[in-house]
Amino acid sequence: MDRAYAGTADLQLMEDSLARSYSSTSLRVGDLSWMSRDHTHRELSLDIHLWQDASSELIAWAFFRHYGEFNVFVVPDSGHAEDASLCDDVLAFIDHCAESAVAAGDPPVTLNTYAIDPTRSVVDRSLATALERAGYAVDDASSTSGFVVRSLDQLPSATLPDGYHFDWVSTPDLLRGRVEAHRAAFAPSDLSVRRYERLQRTWAYRSTLDRLVVTDAGEVVSFCTAWYDAHNASGLLEPVGTHPDHQRHGLARAVCLDACHALLATGAHTAQVGYGSAAGFATYTSAGFHQTNDELAYAKPWRSL
């Protein structure tokens, strides 16, 4: 049985399926909550689809984003690890979303996904084969991105230069400052307070893990939102950023370490963070993170649909 996304309970089902399937991939608890910020849950029913077995157990899901990125997931222990028709159905949903978007007037986009490691599991091999069957190819440009991990044992202290202090998103003013810092760090960004409040209502969000660097004058200038995966006693940092006017002071490294200390206090033993540039990689490795994954990304230009 397949059906459209029906609300926040489904988002939790999807994130639970990630946590229980793999202890570490580039798609973790918190990622889906963060990605869901851009749409109401009713709108997400157009872009998320779930597959269940006869007992209503989740066996697969797909999540399409309007700019062409998507995720597909088949639960490894669902009994469908080698189900080619299921993989084809999941990818057909992605094509349907892309075609519907263009028919409604959106521009054509290159479709792309990630977090596929054919050496990791039968499911990954099945998905890789299905992607190739559907016209996708390994995206060589993805070699500049990935994720890094570290143990939370022997964490160095998180320290800041004079004029700054650590905080967390504990007041409406700090929430607004968090949003403005993000908009500056990732300009152009359409993040808004309303979208951030939507994110805060997802089950995985904890405000005490939403870490900040604040000037003594009260301006939020760096941030690191951490997410806790209780099943694996692990944490995710997503996103991390610093206002351009306050970069090159070690604030990103410091707020990442502060978030790691908060995760440790929550019960995590490891943490991971994704990177998409050499600068990001350098920041995270300076905080003790190291690369472990060999995941692949796949892409298909619109003309192949």
Protein backbone atom coordinates (compact mmCIF):
# COMPACT_ATOMS: atom_id res chain seq x y z
CA MET A 1 0.00 0.00 0.00
CA ASP A 2 1.29 3.48 -0.81
CA ARG A 3 -0.11 6.79 0.34
CA ALA A 4 0.59 10.50 0.63
CA TYR A 5 2.24 12.02 3.68
CA ALA A 6 -0.40 12.76 6.32
CA GLY A 7 1.35 14.92 8.92
CA THR A 8 3.95 15.14 11.66
CA ALA A 9 3.48 11.55 12.82
CA ASP A 10 4.70 10.41 9.40
CA LEU A 11 7.77 12.63 9.70
CA GLN A 12 8.62 10.85 12.94
CA LEU A 13 8.08 7.46 11.27
CA MET A 14 10.51 8.45 8.53
CA GLU A 15 13.18 9.65 10.94
CA ASP A 16 12.70 6.56 13.12
CA SER A 17 13.28 4.39 10.05
CA LEU A 18 16.62 6.13 9.48
CA ALA A 19 17.72 5.75 13.08
CA ARG A 20 16.84 2.07 13.31
CA SER A 21 18.38 1.14 9.96
CA TYR A 22 21.87 2.67 10.08
CA SER A 23 23.92 4.15 12.90
CA SER A 24 25.50 6.74 10.60
CA THR A 25 24.65 8.01 7.12
CA SER A 26 24.53 11.49 5.65
CA LEU A 27 20.76 11.51 6.23
CA ARG A 28 19.94 11.45 9.94
CA VAL A 29 17.36 12.30 12.58
CA GLY A 30 16.93 16.05 12.33
CA ASP A 31 17.64 16.30 8.61
CA LEU A 32 14.02 15.70 7.65
CA SER A 33 12.78 18.13 10.31
CA TRP A 34 15.13 20.79 8.98
CA MET A 35 14.10 20.19 5.37
CA SER A 36 10.40 20.30 6.27
CA ARG A 37 10.64 23.93 7.42
CA ASP A 38 9.94 25.29 3.92
CA HIS A 39 6.38 23.97 3.64
CA THR A 40 3.30 23.41 5.73
CA HIS A 41 2.64 19.77 6.49
CA ARG A 42 -0.35 19.90 4.17
CA GLU A 43 1.94 21.06 1.36
CA LEU A 44 4.37 18.26 2.17
CA SER A 45 1.65 15.77 1.27
CA LEU A 46 2.40 16.63 -2.39
CA ASP A 47 6.13 15.91 -2.08
CA ILE A 48 6.36 13.01 0.40
CA HIS A 49 5.01 9.53 -0.20
CA LEU A 50 5.10 6.45 2.03
CA TRP A 51 4.84 2.72 1.31
CA GLN A 52 3.57 0.26 3.92
CA ASP A 53 3.12 -3.50 4.06
CA ALA A 54 -0.07 -5.41 4.84
CA SER A 55 0.52 -4.84 8.57
CA SER A 56 0.85 -1.07 8.01
CA GLU A 57 4.58 -1.18 8.78
CA LEU A 58 6.63 1.41 6.95
CA ILE A 59 8.78 -0.17 4.22
CA ALA A 60 9.81 2.82 2.09
CA TRP A 61 9.41 6.55 1.60
CA ALA A 62 10.35 9.33 -0.84
CA PHE A 63 10.80 13.08 -0.28
CA PHE A 64 11.05 15.44 -3.28
CA ARG A 65 12.17 19.10 -3.07
CA HIS A 66 11.22 21.69 -5.69
CA TYR A 67 14.84 22.46 -6.59
CA GLY A 68 15.41 18.86 -7.71
CA GLU A 69 17.03 17.27 -4.66
CA PHE A 70 15.25 14.25 -3.22
CA ASN A 71 15.70 11.34 -0.87
CA VAL A 72 14.46 7.79 -1.25
CA PHE A 73 14.65 5.17 1.47
CA VAL A 74 13.78 1.49 1.73
CA VAL A 75 13.82 0.00 5.23
CA PRO A 76 16.55 -2.69 5.18
CA ASP A 77 14.83 -5.23 7.44
CA SER A 78 11.37 -4.82 5.90
CA GLY A 79 11.75 -7.87 3.66
CA HIS A 80 11.92 -5.68 0.54
CA ALA A 81 15.68 -5.18 0.30
CA GLU A 82 15.80 -6.70 -3.19
CA ASP A 83 12.35 -5.59 -4.36
CA ALA A 84 13.14 -4.00 -7.73
CA SER A 85 9.51 -3.07 -8.39
CA LEU A 86 9.32 -1.19 -5.08
CA CYS A 87 12.50 0.76 -5.91
CA ASP A 88 11.09 1.56 -9.34
CA ASP A 89 7.79 2.76 -7.80
CA VAL A 90 9.64 5.01 -5.35
CA LEU A 91 11.66 6.61 -8.16
CA ALA A 92 8.56 6.90 -10.35
CA PHE A 93 7.03 9.07 -7.63
CA ILE A 94 10.02 11.41 -7.88
CA ASP A 95 9.55 11.69 -11.67
CA HIS A 96 5.86 12.39 -11.09
CA CYS A 97 6.66 15.22 -8.66
CA ALA A 98 9.17 16.78 -11.06
CA GLU A 99 6.82 16.53 -14.03
CA SER A 100 3.90 17.95 -12.02
CA ALA A 101 6.04 20.90 -10.90
CA VAL A 102 7.01 21.74 -14.48
CA ALA A 103 3.42 21.33 -15.66
CA ALA A 104 2.38 23.86 -13.01
CA GLY A 105 4.92 26.38 -14.32
CA ASP A 106 8.08 25.68 -12.31
CA PRO A 107 11.37 25.52 -14.27
CA PRO A 108 12.86 22.11 -15.16
CA VAL A 109 15.49 20.95 -12.69
CA THR A 110 18.23 18.34 -12.57
CA LEU A 111 17.14 15.59 -10.19
CA ASN A 112 19.71 14.54 -7.63
CA THR A 113 19.98 12.41 -4.52
CA TYR A 114 22.67 11.26 -2.10
CA ALA A 115 23.38 8.91 0.84
CA ILE A 116 23.72 5.84 -1.39
CA ASP A 117 26.55 3.41 -0.58
CA PRO A 118 26.34 0.21 -2.67
CA THR A 119 28.97 -1.45 -0.45
CA ARG A 120 26.92 -0.92 2.72
CA SER A 121 23.80 -3.03 2.24
CA VAL A 122 21.59 -4.97 -0.15
CA VAL A 123 19.11 -2.08 -0.06
CA ASP A 124 21.75 0.41 -1.18
CA ARG A 125 22.75 -1.88 -4.04
CA SER A 126 19.10 -2.25 -5.05
CA LEU A 127 18.58 1.52 -4.98
CA ALA A 128 21.80 2.16 -6.91
CA THR A 129 20.72 -0.32 -9.59
CA ALA A 130 17.25 1.21 -9.75
CA LEU A 131 18.70 4.72 -10.07
CA GLU A 132 20.87 3.60 -12.98
CA ARG A 133 17.88 1.83 -14.54
CA ALA A 134 15.95 5.11 -14.30
CA GLY A 135 18.66 7.07 -16.09
CA TYR A 136 20.68 8.40 -13.17
CA ALA A 137 24.48 8.43 -13.07
CA VAL A 138 26.97 8.93 -10.26
CA ASP A 139 27.49 12.65 -9.74
CA ASP A 140 31.25 13.20 -9.72
CA ALA A 141 30.78 16.76 -8.43
CA SER A 142 29.61 15.27 -5.13
CA SER A 143 33.22 14.45 -4.25
CA THR A 144 33.49 17.93 -2.69
CA SER A 145 30.81 17.13 -0.12
CA GLY A 146 30.12 14.49 2.49
CA PHE A 147 29.93 14.13 6.25
CA VAL A 148 32.41 13.84 9.09
CA VAL A 149 32.06 12.28 12.54
CA ARG A 150 33.74 12.40 15.92
CA SER A 151 33.52 10.70 19.30
CA LEU A 152 32.30 12.89 22.13
CA ASP A 153 34.96 11.47 24.45
CA GLN A 154 37.67 13.91 25.48
CA LEU A 155 35.93 16.93 23.98
CA PRO A 156 38.06 20.08 24.09
CA SER A 157 36.58 23.07 25.83
CA ALA A 158 34.48 25.44 23.75
CA THR A 159 36.00 28.91 24.10
CA LEU A 160 35.23 32.28 22.54
CA PRO A 161 37.09 35.55 21.97
CA ASP A 162 36.29 38.50 24.23
CA GLY A 163 32.99 40.14 23.41
CA TYR A 164 31.08 36.93 22.69
CA HIS A 165 29.20 34.37 24.79
CA PHE A 166 27.29 31.12 24.22
CA ASP A 167 23.52 30.88 24.47
CA TRP A 168 20.63 28.84 23.07
CA VAL A 169 17.29 29.66 21.45
CA SER A 170 15.48 30.35 24.69
CA THR A 171 13.60 33.61 24.00
CA PRO A 172 11.65 35.18 21.13
CA ASP A 173 14.44 37.74 20.66
CA LEU A 174 17.07 35.01 20.33
CA LEU A 175 14.82 33.16 17.88
CA ARG A 176 14.56 36.27 15.71
CA GLY A 177 18.32 36.76 16.00
CA ARG A 178 18.90 33.13 15.03
CA VAL A 179 16.83 33.60 11.88
CA GLU A 180 18.57 36.85 10.93
CA ALA A 181 22.02 35.29 11.46
CA HIS A 182 21.03 32.42 9.18
CA ARG A 183 19.74 34.78 6.49
CA ALA A 184 23.07 36.63 6.56
CA ALA A 185 25.23 33.49 6.64
CA PHE A 186 23.39 31.80 3.77
CA ALA A 187 22.28 34.82 1.73
CA PRO A 188 20.11 34.80 -0.23
CA SER A 189 17.92 32.86 2.20
CA ASP A 190 14.17 32.91 2.61
CA LEU A 191 14.18 31.53 6.16
CA SER A 192 11.61 33.32 8.30
CA VAL A 193 10.51 33.26 11.93
CA ARG A 194 7.30 31.53 10.86
CA ARG A 195 9.26 28.78 9.09
CA TYR A 196 11.56 28.39 12.06
CA GLU A 197 8.60 28.07 14.40
CA ARG A 198 7.30 25.31 12.13
CA LEU A 199 10.65 23.55 12.50
CA GLN A 200 10.45 23.92 16.29
CA ARG A 201 7.15 22.02 16.31
CA THR A 202 8.71 18.87 14.86
CA TRP A 203 9.24 16.05 17.34
CA ALA A 204 13.03 15.92 16.95
CA TYR A 205 13.68 19.59 17.81
CA ARG A 206 15.06 20.55 21.23
CA SER A 207 15.61 24.24 21.90
CA THR A 208 18.41 23.48 24.38
CA LEU A 209 20.37 21.91 21.50
CA ASP A 210 19.87 24.98 19.28
CA ARG A 211 23.18 26.63 20.18
CA LEU A 212 24.21 30.22 19.56
CA VAL A 213 27.13 32.62 19.78
CA VAL A 214 25.90 36.05 20.85
CA THR A 215 27.78 39.34 21.10
CA ASP A 216 27.78 41.13 24.43
CA ALA A 217 25.46 43.63 22.75
CA GLY A 218 22.91 40.83 22.17
CA GLU A 219 23.36 40.10 18.44
CA VAL A 220 23.25 36.45 17.37
CA VAL A 221 26.26 35.98 15.07
CA SER A 222 26.91 32.22 14.89
CA PHE A 223 24.73 29.15 15.31
CA CYS A 224 24.71 25.37 15.35
CA THR A 225 21.45 23.45 15.59
CA ALA A 226 22.04 19.99 17.04
CA TRP A 227 19.69 16.99 16.84
CA TYR A 228 19.71 13.96 19.13
CA ASP A 229 19.20 10.38 17.92
CA ALA A 230 18.43 8.43 21.10
CA HIS A 231 18.36 5.06 19.32
CA ASN A 232 22.02 5.37 18.32
CA ALA A 233 23.12 7.75 21.10
CA SER A 234 24.37 10.07 18.38
CA GLY A 235 23.96 13.65 17.30
CA LEU A 236 23.74 15.68 14.10
CA LEU A 237 24.83 19.29 13.60
CA GLU A 238 22.57 20.88 10.97
CA PRO A 239 22.89 23.70 10.08
CA VAL A 240 26.03 25.56 11.14
CA GLY A 241 26.78 29.13 10.10
CA THR A 242 28.34 32.49 11.01
CA HIS A 243 27.36 36.03 10.06
CA PRO A 244 29.82 37.32 7.43
CA ASP A 245 30.78 40.29 9.64
CA HIS A 246 31.99 37.90 12.36
CA GLN A 247 33.77 35.22 10.36
CA ARG A 248 37.44 34.28 10.81
CA HIS A 249 37.22 34.50 14.60
CA GLY A 250 36.82 30.77 15.21
CA LEU A 251 33.14 31.14 16.10
CA ALA A 252 31.89 28.24 13.93
CA ARG A 253 34.39 25.82 15.48
CA ALA A 254 33.50 27.09 18.95
CA VAL A 255 29.73 26.79 18.52
CA CYS A 256 30.14 23.27 17.08
CA LEU A 257 32.10 22.23 20.16
CA ASP A 258 29.49 23.88 22.39
CA ALA A 259 26.79 21.88 20.58
CA CYS A 260 28.83 18.70 21.05
CA HIS A 261 28.99 19.34 24.79
CA ALA A 262 25.21 19.83 24.82
CA LEU A 263 24.75 16.56 22.92
CA LEU A 264 27.04 14.76 25.36
CA ALA A 265 24.97 16.04 28.27
CA THR A 266 21.83 14.78 26.49
CA GLY A 267 23.25 11.25 26.14
CA ALA A 268 25.05 11.18 22.79
CA HIS A 269 28.39 9.40 22.35
CA THR A 270 29.13 10.54 18.78
CA ALA A 271 28.26 13.47 16.52
CA GLN A 272 28.37 14.11 12.80
CA VAL A 273 28.05 17.07 10.45
CA GLY A 274 27.82 17.46 6.69
CA TYR A 275 30.09 19.70 4.63
CA GLY A 276 29.81 21.13 1.16
CA SER A 277 33.05 23.08 0.79
CA ALA A 278 36.73 22.95 1.62
CA ALA A 279 36.21 25.72 4.20
CA GLY A 280 33.50 23.74 5.96
CA PHE A 281 35.63 20.60 5.93
CA ALA A 282 38.53 22.55 7.48
CA THR A 283 36.30 23.98 10.22
CA TYR A 284 34.94 20.60 11.25
CA THR A 285 38.24 18.75 11.13
CA SER A 286 39.72 21.48 13.34
CA ALA A 287 37.02 20.55 15.86
CA GLY A 288 38.09 16.89 15.81
CA PHE A 289 35.75 15.49 13.17
CA HIS A 290 37.06 13.01 10.60
CA GLN A 291 35.73 11.54 7.37
CA THR A 292 34.50 7.94 7.28
CA ASN A 293 31.92 7.61 4.53
CA ASP A 294 32.06 6.50 0.90
CA GLU A 295 28.53 7.44 -0.07
CA LEU A 296 27.60 8.39 -3.62
CA ALA A 297 25.31 10.99 -5.11
CA TYR A 298 23.30 10.40 -8.27
CA ALA A 299 21.89 12.91 -10.76
CA LYS A 300 19.66 12.94 -13.84
CA PRO A 301 19.10 15.97 -16.08
CA TRP A 302 15.57 16.94 -16.93
CA ARG A 303 15.91 15.81 -20.55
CA SER A 304 16.13 12.21 -19.29
CA LEU A 305 12.65 12.24 -17.80
